[in-house]
Structures are given as structure tokens and as C-alpha cells.
Amino acid sequence: MVICDHVEGVVSAPHGPYHGALAHGFACGAHIPVHVSRPWNALDDPYRDYQSIRESLADDWGVETAQDWSRQVEYLLAGQNVGAEADAVLTVRRALLRQQGHYDLVTWQNAVRDQAGGRRANELVELAGVITRYESRFRTDGLLPPNGMVTSVLGYDFGRAVNMARWGFGGRFCDYPTAERIVLRAGELCRQRYSSWTDFSAGYALGRVIRFDEERYGHLYLSVLGPHRLLTANPSSPWWHVPFA
């Protein structure tokens, strides 16, 4: 059983890591445990919770065996769950900024169309518009600074990989060293893609809403906005004492 410190909405396990690479990896998965008031720096309890964790994994992820769980971990660490489309569109924008120093939506969409070609071009062109509208809302709500842009959505999969490690250990699908390696790997991948906690969090949020929200700005948006605000603004957050780099 995990004994926790609960400070103004941030739950920490006293014996969990607070500093170093493992703490950083856990902090990359903090959106989900913060949302449900669970410790950000601990794996789930395999003695108390494993049956309910297995039921949740089966219902939410279709994971019923250790092989299913391992396959999901591989997909998440490879960024294959959130999909490559949004990052491909963002890559086109980064190229425009490198080449021209600026961009507008029409120029971006034309560049996406030129790069994509084929039957999927219209879908990717529309995705640039979706991203633009979400980023505008993110700036209004503080998920992005006034001139900020999302650099990658792969952080959504990497953050969920941390939680898949948490649930895999709690559901008795893996041992502790295996779960720890996944947490460390996810943290390393986040550092490769992002430059700060706020940069990472905006990418995580955009990955989530593109995947599930469909521009409704409902529960699926609010359930990532709330943890973002707490993690960035509350001094008890790991993002205040664990360096991103």
C-alpha cells in the first residue's frame, strides 16, 4: 500500500523519487495521476489493485495479457498510438519557419498539400486548420504562451507510456525493473522532442485533443487543461523541482 502526501491537489509518494532521471520520467506521465489524485512518482500497487487495474486495461486498452501490454508499450514508445499525421504536419510548419522565418495558415496548408499528395492530402490540410484553432484556444487558456506553438504531439504517447508502465506493474504484467526502464525511456524520448515542461505539456495536450476531442472543448480538453494548470502553477508540482533538461 502506497502512503501519500497530498498537498493542494498534488499527490506524492514519500518513498518515490523526487529528483533525477526516474523522477523526470514519472513527471512526464504526471497528467493522468494528477487528474485522478494519485501519486505522480509511484507505480500502482500490485498487491492491492491488480484485479481492478487489469479490468481497466481490458476495458480501455484491450489489454488482457502480458503480451498485449508489452505490445501497447512498444506502440506508445514508438509514437504509433497517437499516429504520425499531426507530427508530419507540424514538421512542415517547422520547415517553413526555418526557410522563411514566418508562415501563415494558407502557406502552411499549401506546403502540406504539396508534401502529402495523394488521397490523404485534404485530410492533412484540414489537420493544419484544426491545430491552428486548438493552438489559439491553448494561448487563451494558458497552455501556450502568447506566441507559442506546439512542436510535436508525440509527448502524448510518451506520457501514456509512463502510465502503461505504472499499470503494467500494478496489474502484474511486468516486474519493477521492467516498469522502471519504460519510465526512464519515456523521459529520455520527451527530452529529445521538447525543451521544457510547458513545451512538453502543450504537445501532450494537443495529442490528446486531436485524438479524442474533435474540437468540442469538452471533458477531454478540460481533463488535460486542469492538470496542466496545476503542474505548471503549483509549487508542490514535480515540474517545479525536477529540471526538464
C-alpha atoms as a PDB file:
ATOM      1  CA  MET A   1       0.000   0.000   0.000  1.00  0.00           C
ATOM      2  CA  VAL A   2       1.359   3.425  -1.014  1.00  0.00           C
ATOM      3  CA  ILE A   3       1.274   6.128   1.663  1.00  0.00           C
ATOM      4  CA  CYS A   4       0.916   9.539   0.044  1.00  0.00           C
ATOM      5  CA  ASP A   5       1.459  13.196   0.777  1.00  0.00           C
ATOM      6  CA  HIS A   6      -1.424  15.247  -0.642  1.00  0.00           C
ATOM      7  CA  VAL A   7      -0.527  18.900  -0.996  1.00  0.00           C
ATOM      8  CA  GLU A   8      -3.097  21.217  -2.623  1.00  0.00           C
ATOM      9  CA  GLY A   9      -4.099  18.682  -5.243  1.00  0.00           C
ATOM     10  CA  VAL A  10      -0.651  17.196  -5.941  1.00  0.00           C
ATOM     11  CA  VAL A  11      -0.243  13.693  -4.583  1.00  0.00           C
ATOM     12  CA  SER A  12       3.277  12.374  -3.977  1.00  0.00           C
ATOM     13  CA  ALA A  13       4.547   9.060  -2.639  1.00  0.00           C
ATOM     14  CA  PRO A  14       7.066   9.906   0.126  1.00  0.00           C
ATOM     15  CA  HIS A  15       9.316   6.988  -0.815  1.00  0.00           C
ATOM     16  CA  GLY A  16       9.124   7.633  -4.544  1.00  0.00           C
ATOM     17  CA  PRO A  17      11.805   9.526  -6.471  1.00  0.00           C
ATOM     18  CA  TYR A  18      11.774  13.327  -6.240  1.00  0.00           C
ATOM     19  CA  HIS A  19      14.952  14.048  -8.198  1.00  0.00           C
ATOM     20  CA  GLY A  20      16.957  12.538 -11.031  1.00  0.00           C
ATOM     21  CA  ALA A  21      16.138  10.742 -14.257  1.00  0.00           C
ATOM     22  CA  LEU A  22      13.492   8.441 -12.778  1.00  0.00           C
ATOM     23  CA  ALA A  23      11.629  11.369 -11.219  1.00  0.00           C
ATOM     24  CA  HIS A  24      11.808  13.135 -14.571  1.00  0.00           C
ATOM     25  CA  GLY A  25      10.291  10.120 -16.310  1.00  0.00           C
ATOM     26  CA  PHE A  26       7.482   9.879 -13.782  1.00  0.00           C
ATOM     27  CA  ALA A  27       6.854  13.626 -14.118  1.00  0.00           C
ATOM     28  CA  CYS A  28       6.386  13.125 -17.874  1.00  0.00           C
ATOM     29  CA  GLY A  29       3.439  10.905 -17.014  1.00  0.00           C
ATOM     30  CA  ALA A  30       2.005  13.223 -14.371  1.00  0.00           C
ATOM     31  CA  HIS A  31      -1.091  14.480 -16.203  1.00  0.00           C
ATOM     32  CA  ILE A  32      -3.066  11.298 -15.575  1.00  0.00           C
ATOM     33  CA  PRO A  33      -2.290  10.667 -11.870  1.00  0.00           C
ATOM     34  CA  VAL A  34      -2.756  14.372 -11.088  1.00  0.00           C
ATOM     35  CA  HIS A  35      -6.176  14.267 -12.765  1.00  0.00           C
ATOM     36  CA  VAL A  36      -7.282  11.358 -10.564  1.00  0.00           C
ATOM     37  CA  SER A  37      -5.399  12.473  -7.396  1.00  0.00           C
ATOM     38  CA  ARG A  38      -2.935   9.572  -7.416  1.00  0.00           C
ATOM     39  CA  PRO A  39       0.813   9.833  -6.693  1.00  0.00           C
ATOM     40  CA  TRP A  40       2.792  11.080  -9.669  1.00  0.00           C
ATOM     41  CA  ASN A  41       6.036   9.356  -8.574  1.00  0.00           C
ATOM     42  CA  ALA A  42       4.975   5.761  -7.872  1.00  0.00           C
ATOM     43  CA  LEU A  43       3.843   2.645  -9.684  1.00  0.00           C
ATOM     44  CA  ASP A  44       0.449   1.175  -8.854  1.00  0.00           C
ATOM     45  CA  ASP A  45       0.213  -1.369  -6.044  1.00  0.00           C
ATOM     46  CA  PRO A  46       0.302  -4.954  -7.430  1.00  0.00           C
ATOM     47  CA  TYR A  47      -0.936  -6.414  -4.159  1.00  0.00           C
ATOM     48  CA  ARG A  48      -3.987  -4.264  -3.587  1.00  0.00           C
ATOM     49  CA  ASP A  49      -5.090  -3.027  -7.011  1.00  0.00           C
ATOM     50  CA  TYR A  50      -4.093  -5.574  -9.607  1.00  0.00           C
ATOM     51  CA  GLN A  51      -7.530  -7.006 -10.427  1.00  0.00           C
ATOM     52  CA  SER A  52      -9.161  -3.606 -10.919  1.00  0.00           C
ATOM     53  CA  ILE A  53      -6.148  -2.447 -12.952  1.00  0.00           C
ATOM     54  CA  ARG A  54      -6.449  -5.473 -15.210  1.00  0.00           C
ATOM     55  CA  GLU A  55     -10.147  -4.786 -15.703  1.00  0.00           C
ATOM     56  CA  SER A  56      -9.419  -1.164 -16.612  1.00  0.00           C
ATOM     57  CA  LEU A  57      -6.671  -2.153 -19.042  1.00  0.00           C
ATOM     58  CA  ALA A  58      -9.014  -4.632 -20.721  1.00  0.00           C
ATOM     59  CA  ASP A  59     -11.858  -2.119 -20.979  1.00  0.00           C
ATOM     60  CA  ASP A  60      -9.834   0.932 -22.022  1.00  0.00           C
ATOM     61  CA  TRP A  61      -6.965  -0.570 -23.998  1.00  0.00           C
ATOM     62  CA  GLY A  62      -7.988  -4.114 -24.959  1.00  0.00           C
ATOM     63  CA  VAL A  63      -5.042  -5.364 -22.871  1.00  0.00           C
ATOM     64  CA  GLU A  64      -5.737  -8.768 -21.367  1.00  0.00           C
ATOM     65  CA  THR A  65      -2.334 -10.463 -21.331  1.00  0.00           C
ATOM     66  CA  ALA A  66       1.274  -9.565 -20.683  1.00  0.00           C
ATOM     67  CA  GLN A  67       1.851  -9.807 -24.436  1.00  0.00           C
ATOM     68  CA  ASP A  68      -0.957  -7.317 -25.104  1.00  0.00           C
ATOM     69  CA  TRP A  69       0.537  -4.970 -22.520  1.00  0.00           C
ATOM     70  CA  SER A  70       4.046  -5.252 -23.965  1.00  0.00           C
ATOM     71  CA  ARG A  71       2.720  -4.529 -27.455  1.00  0.00           C
ATOM     72  CA  GLN A  72       0.978  -1.373 -26.234  1.00  0.00           C
ATOM     73  CA  VAL A  73       4.171  -0.196 -24.552  1.00  0.00           C
ATOM     74  CA  GLU A  74       6.059  -0.655 -27.822  1.00  0.00           C
ATOM     75  CA  TYR A  75       3.423   1.302 -29.755  1.00  0.00           C
ATOM     76  CA  LEU A  76       3.490   4.152 -27.256  1.00  0.00           C
ATOM     77  CA  LEU A  77       7.267   4.449 -27.075  1.00  0.00           C
ATOM     78  CA  ALA A  78       7.361   4.450 -30.893  1.00  0.00           C
ATOM     79  CA  GLY A  79       4.690   7.176 -31.068  1.00  0.00           C
ATOM     80  CA  GLN A  80       2.449   4.848 -33.071  1.00  0.00           C
ATOM     81  CA  ASN A  81      -0.641   5.173 -30.921  1.00  0.00           C
ATOM     82  CA  VAL A  82      -1.233   8.891 -31.424  1.00  0.00           C
ATOM     83  CA  GLY A  83      -0.237   8.463 -35.080  1.00  0.00           C
ATOM     84  CA  ALA A  84       2.230  10.210 -37.363  1.00  0.00           C
ATOM     85  CA  GLU A  85      -0.136  12.602 -39.157  1.00  0.00           C
ATOM     86  CA  ALA A  86      -0.075  15.561 -36.761  1.00  0.00           C
ATOM     87  CA  ASP A  87       3.692  15.433 -36.345  1.00  0.00           C
ATOM     88  CA  ALA A  88       4.111  15.318 -40.121  1.00  0.00           C
ATOM     89  CA  VAL A  89       2.016  18.483 -40.438  1.00  0.00           C
ATOM     90  CA  LEU A  90       3.987  20.171 -37.644  1.00  0.00           C
ATOM     91  CA  THR A  91       7.240  19.194 -39.377  1.00  0.00           C
ATOM     92  CA  VAL A  92       6.113  21.068 -42.496  1.00  0.00           C
ATOM     93  CA  ARG A  93       5.495  24.178 -40.405  1.00  0.00           C
ATOM     94  CA  ARG A  94       8.929  23.950 -38.773  1.00  0.00           C
ATOM     95  CA  ALA A  95      10.494  23.740 -42.226  1.00  0.00           C
ATOM     96  CA  LEU A  96       8.610  26.867 -43.335  1.00  0.00           C
ATOM     97  CA  LEU A  97       9.810  28.741 -40.274  1.00  0.00           C
ATOM     98  CA  ARG A  98      13.414  27.697 -40.922  1.00  0.00           C
ATOM     99  CA  GLN A  99      13.227  28.712 -44.574  1.00  0.00           C
ATOM    100  CA  GLN A 100      11.147  31.899 -44.347  1.00  0.00           C
ATOM    101  CA  GLY A 101      11.150  32.946 -40.691  1.00  0.00           C
ATOM    102  CA  HIS A 102       7.351  33.184 -40.714  1.00  0.00           C
ATOM    103  CA  TYR A 103       4.261  31.444 -42.052  1.00  0.00           C
ATOM    104  CA  ASP A 104       0.506  31.864 -42.396  1.00  0.00           C
ATOM    105  CA  LEU A 105      -2.164  29.187 -42.440  1.00  0.00           C
ATOM    106  CA  VAL A 106      -2.715  29.244 -46.198  1.00  0.00           C
ATOM    107  CA  THR A 107       1.003  28.923 -46.904  1.00  0.00           C
ATOM    108  CA  TRP A 108       1.247  26.107 -44.380  1.00  0.00           C
ATOM    109  CA  GLN A 109      -1.715  24.267 -45.860  1.00  0.00           C
ATOM    110  CA  ASN A 110      -0.356  24.628 -49.396  1.00  0.00           C
ATOM    111  CA  ALA A 111       3.006  23.248 -48.264  1.00  0.00           C
ATOM    112  CA  VAL A 112       1.246  20.327 -46.544  1.00  0.00           C
ATOM    113  CA  ARG A 113      -0.709  19.612 -49.730  1.00  0.00           C
ATOM    114  CA  ASP A 114       2.463  19.690 -51.828  1.00  0.00           C
ATOM    115  CA  GLN A 115       4.268  17.336 -49.471  1.00  0.00           C
ATOM    116  CA  ALA A 116       1.401  14.921 -48.923  1.00  0.00           C
ATOM    117  CA  GLY A 117      -0.072  14.460 -52.367  1.00  0.00           C
ATOM    118  CA  GLY A 118      -2.463  11.594 -52.961  1.00  0.00           C
ATOM    119  CA  ARG A 119      -5.760  10.856 -51.290  1.00  0.00           C
ATOM    120  CA  ARG A 120      -4.735  11.937 -47.780  1.00  0.00           C
ATOM    121  CA  ALA A 121      -3.727  15.467 -48.748  1.00  0.00           C
ATOM    122  CA  ASN A 122      -7.097  17.044 -47.941  1.00  0.00           C
ATOM    123  CA  GLU A 123      -7.202  15.345 -44.548  1.00  0.00           C
ATOM    124  CA  LEU A 124      -3.764  16.662 -43.621  1.00  0.00           C
ATOM    125  CA  VAL A 125      -4.575  20.152 -44.916  1.00  0.00           C
ATOM    126  CA  GLU A 126      -7.619  20.223 -42.648  1.00  0.00           C
ATOM    127  CA  LEU A 127      -5.484  18.989 -39.766  1.00  0.00           C
ATOM    128  CA  ALA A 128      -3.341  22.128 -40.083  1.00  0.00           C
ATOM    129  CA  GLY A 129      -6.519  24.142 -39.550  1.00  0.00           C
ATOM    130  CA  VAL A 130      -7.506  22.017 -36.562  1.00  0.00           C
ATOM    131  CA  ILE A 131      -4.083  22.531 -34.996  1.00  0.00           C
ATOM    132  CA  THR A 132      -4.296  26.288 -35.596  1.00  0.00           C
ATOM    133  CA  ARG A 133      -7.660  26.520 -33.842  1.00  0.00           C
ATOM    134  CA  TYR A 134      -6.516  24.426 -30.892  1.00  0.00           C
ATOM    135  CA  GLU A 135      -3.333  26.464 -30.517  1.00  0.00           C
ATOM    136  CA  SER A 136      -5.401  29.640 -30.440  1.00  0.00           C
ATOM    137  CA  ARG A 137      -7.509  28.195 -27.628  1.00  0.00           C
ATOM    138  CA  PHE A 138      -4.363  26.965 -25.865  1.00  0.00           C
ATOM    139  CA  ARG A 139      -2.992  30.520 -25.840  1.00  0.00           C
ATOM    140  CA  THR A 140      -6.249  31.835 -24.396  1.00  0.00           C
ATOM    141  CA  ASP A 141      -6.263  29.179 -21.665  1.00  0.00           C
ATOM    142  CA  GLY A 142      -2.550  29.338 -20.815  1.00  0.00           C
ATOM    143  CA  LEU A 143      -1.482  26.040 -22.333  1.00  0.00           C
ATOM    144  CA  LEU A 144       0.744  28.061 -24.663  1.00  0.00           C
ATOM    145  CA  PRO A 145       2.397  31.465 -24.252  1.00  0.00           C
ATOM    146  CA  PRO A 146       1.018  34.310 -26.450  1.00  0.00           C
ATOM    147  CA  ASN A 147       3.185  33.448 -29.452  1.00  0.00           C
ATOM    148  CA  GLY A 148       3.754  29.799 -28.623  1.00  0.00           C
ATOM    149  CA  MET A 149       3.351  26.839 -30.953  1.00  0.00           C
ATOM    150  CA  VAL A 150       3.309  23.092 -30.412  1.00  0.00           C
ATOM    151  CA  THR A 151       6.423  21.333 -31.679  1.00  0.00           C
ATOM    152  CA  SER A 152       5.304  17.688 -31.502  1.00  0.00           C
ATOM    153  CA  VAL A 153       2.352  15.621 -30.290  1.00  0.00           C
ATOM    154  CA  LEU A 154       4.419  12.508 -29.565  1.00  0.00           C
ATOM    155  CA  GLY A 155       4.657  13.530 -25.912  1.00  0.00           C
ATOM    156  CA  TYR A 156       1.094  12.271 -25.545  1.00  0.00           C
ATOM    157  CA  ASP A 157       2.204   8.721 -26.300  1.00  0.00           C
ATOM    158  CA  PHE A 158       5.372   9.044 -24.224  1.00  0.00           C
ATOM    159  CA  GLY A 159       3.406  10.324 -21.222  1.00  0.00           C
ATOM    160  CA  ARG A 160       0.940   7.482 -21.571  1.00  0.00           C
ATOM    161  CA  ALA A 161       3.827   5.007 -21.775  1.00  0.00           C
ATOM    162  CA  VAL A 162       4.809   6.080 -18.258  1.00  0.00           C
ATOM    163  CA  ASN A 163       1.308   5.272 -17.107  1.00  0.00           C
ATOM    164  CA  MET A 164       1.281   1.994 -19.004  1.00  0.00           C
ATOM    165  CA  ALA A 165       4.395   1.083 -17.007  1.00  0.00           C
ATOM    166  CA  ARG A 166       2.574   2.121 -13.827  1.00  0.00           C
ATOM    167  CA  TRP A 167      -0.436  -0.019 -14.684  1.00  0.00           C
ATOM    168  CA  GLY A 168       1.642  -2.899 -16.017  1.00  0.00           C
ATOM    169  CA  PHE A 169       3.423  -3.278 -12.707  1.00  0.00           C
ATOM    170  CA  GLY A 170       0.223  -2.788 -10.719  1.00  0.00           C
ATOM    171  CA  GLY A 171      -1.581  -5.320 -12.916  1.00  0.00           C
ATOM    172  CA  ARG A 172       1.243  -7.861 -12.525  1.00  0.00           C
ATOM    173  CA  PHE A 173       2.107  -7.804 -16.211  1.00  0.00           C
ATOM    174  CA  CYS A 174       5.744  -6.887 -15.539  1.00  0.00           C
ATOM    175  CA  ASP A 175       8.299  -6.644 -12.751  1.00  0.00           C
ATOM    176  CA  TYR A 176       9.580  -3.411 -11.225  1.00  0.00           C
ATOM    177  CA  PRO A 177      12.867  -3.188 -13.206  1.00  0.00           C
ATOM    178  CA  THR A 178      10.922  -3.527 -16.464  1.00  0.00           C
ATOM    179  CA  ALA A 179       8.495  -0.775 -15.472  1.00  0.00           C
ATOM    180  CA  GLU A 180      11.360   1.462 -14.368  1.00  0.00           C
ATOM    181  CA  ARG A 181      13.136   1.026 -17.716  1.00  0.00           C
ATOM    182  CA  ILE A 182       9.975   2.108 -19.537  1.00  0.00           C
ATOM    183  CA  VAL A 183       9.612   5.210 -17.359  1.00  0.00           C
ATOM    184  CA  LEU A 184      13.249   6.152 -17.974  1.00  0.00           C
ATOM    185  CA  ARG A 185      12.941   5.560 -21.725  1.00  0.00           C
ATOM    186  CA  ALA A 186       9.796   7.682 -21.947  1.00  0.00           C
ATOM    187  CA  GLY A 187      11.545  10.519 -20.117  1.00  0.00           C
ATOM    188  CA  GLU A 188      14.512  10.280 -22.474  1.00  0.00           C
ATOM    189  CA  LEU A 189      12.217  10.450 -25.518  1.00  0.00           C
ATOM    190  CA  CYS A 190      10.479  13.515 -24.126  1.00  0.00           C
ATOM    191  CA  ARG A 191      13.814  15.292 -23.673  1.00  0.00           C
ATOM    192  CA  GLN A 192      14.648  14.546 -27.309  1.00  0.00           C
ATOM    193  CA  ARG A 193      11.435  16.175 -28.557  1.00  0.00           C
ATOM    194  CA  TYR A 194      10.849  19.057 -26.139  1.00  0.00           C
ATOM    195  CA  SER A 195      12.768  21.829 -24.424  1.00  0.00           C
ATOM    196  CA  SER A 196      10.710  22.483 -21.283  1.00  0.00           C
ATOM    197  CA  TRP A 197       7.797  21.211 -19.202  1.00  0.00           C
ATOM    198  CA  THR A 198       5.421  23.733 -20.762  1.00  0.00           C
ATOM    199  CA  ASP A 199       6.569  22.775 -24.269  1.00  0.00           C
ATOM    200  CA  PHE A 200       6.030  19.107 -23.442  1.00  0.00           C
ATOM    201  CA  SER A 201       2.644  19.714 -21.809  1.00  0.00           C
ATOM    202  CA  ALA A 202       1.293  21.632 -24.799  1.00  0.00           C
ATOM    203  CA  GLY A 203       2.368  18.778 -27.083  1.00  0.00           C
ATOM    204  CA  TYR A 204       0.794  16.221 -24.758  1.00  0.00           C
ATOM    205  CA  ALA A 205      -2.446  18.214 -24.662  1.00  0.00           C
ATOM    206  CA  LEU A 206      -2.619  18.645 -28.432  1.00  0.00           C
ATOM    207  CA  GLY A 207      -2.037  14.939 -28.970  1.00  0.00           C
ATOM    208  CA  ARG A 208      -4.905  14.159 -26.619  1.00  0.00           C
ATOM    209  CA  VAL A 209      -7.438  16.546 -28.101  1.00  0.00           C
ATOM    210  CA  ILE A 210      -6.619  15.726 -31.714  1.00  0.00           C
ATOM    211  CA  ARG A 211      -7.071  12.054 -30.911  1.00  0.00           C
ATOM    212  CA  PHE A 212     -10.291  12.311 -28.920  1.00  0.00           C
ATOM    213  CA  ASP A 213     -11.857  15.778 -28.532  1.00  0.00           C
ATOM    214  CA  GLU A 214     -12.969  16.607 -32.119  1.00  0.00           C
ATOM    215  CA  GLU A 215     -12.936  20.360 -31.314  1.00  0.00           C
ATOM    216  CA  ARG A 216     -15.674  20.053 -28.722  1.00  0.00           C
ATOM    217  CA  TYR A 217     -13.531  21.582 -25.943  1.00  0.00           C
ATOM    218  CA  GLY A 218     -15.388  19.371 -23.503  1.00  0.00           C
ATOM    219  CA  HIS A 219     -14.305  16.914 -20.810  1.00  0.00           C
ATOM    220  CA  LEU A 220     -11.424  15.509 -22.854  1.00  0.00           C
ATOM    221  CA  TYR A 221      -9.984  19.004 -23.178  1.00  0.00           C
ATOM    222  CA  LEU A 222     -10.714  20.135 -19.632  1.00  0.00           C
ATOM    223  CA  SER A 223      -9.252  16.929 -18.169  1.00  0.00           C
ATOM    224  CA  VAL A 224      -5.848  17.848 -19.602  1.00  0.00           C
ATOM    225  CA  LEU A 225      -6.139  21.615 -19.054  1.00  0.00           C
ATOM    226  CA  GLY A 226      -6.720  21.184 -15.297  1.00  0.00           C
ATOM    227  CA  PRO A 227      -3.619  19.022 -14.682  1.00  0.00           C
ATOM    228  CA  HIS A 228      -1.545  21.350 -16.880  1.00  0.00           C
ATOM    229  CA  ARG A 229      -2.527  24.344 -14.781  1.00  0.00           C
ATOM    230  CA  LEU A 230      -1.814  22.553 -11.526  1.00  0.00           C
ATOM    231  CA  LEU A 231       1.507  21.133 -12.680  1.00  0.00           C
ATOM    232  CA  THR A 232       2.763  24.437 -14.044  1.00  0.00           C
ATOM    233  CA  ALA A 233       1.441  26.773 -11.311  1.00  0.00           C
ATOM    234  CA  ASN A 234       1.615  24.833  -8.043  1.00  0.00           C
ATOM    235  CA  PRO A 235       4.964  24.889  -6.183  1.00  0.00           C
ATOM    236  CA  SER A 236       4.360  21.320  -4.982  1.00  0.00           C
ATOM    237  CA  SER A 237       4.384  20.104  -8.594  1.00  0.00           C
ATOM    238  CA  PRO A 238       7.353  17.983  -9.713  1.00  0.00           C
ATOM    239  CA  TRP A 239       7.686  20.365 -12.651  1.00  0.00           C
ATOM    240  CA  TRP A 240       8.877  22.987 -10.180  1.00  0.00           C
ATOM    241  CA  HIS A 241      11.793  20.971  -8.797  1.00  0.00           C
ATOM    242  CA  VAL A 242      12.653  18.405 -11.500  1.00  0.00           C
ATOM    243  CA  PRO A 243      14.618  20.059 -14.344  1.00  0.00           C
ATOM    244  CA  PHE A 244      13.306  19.139 -17.779  1.00  0.00           C
ATOM    245  CA  ALA A 245      16.706  19.050 -19.483  1.00  0.00           C
END
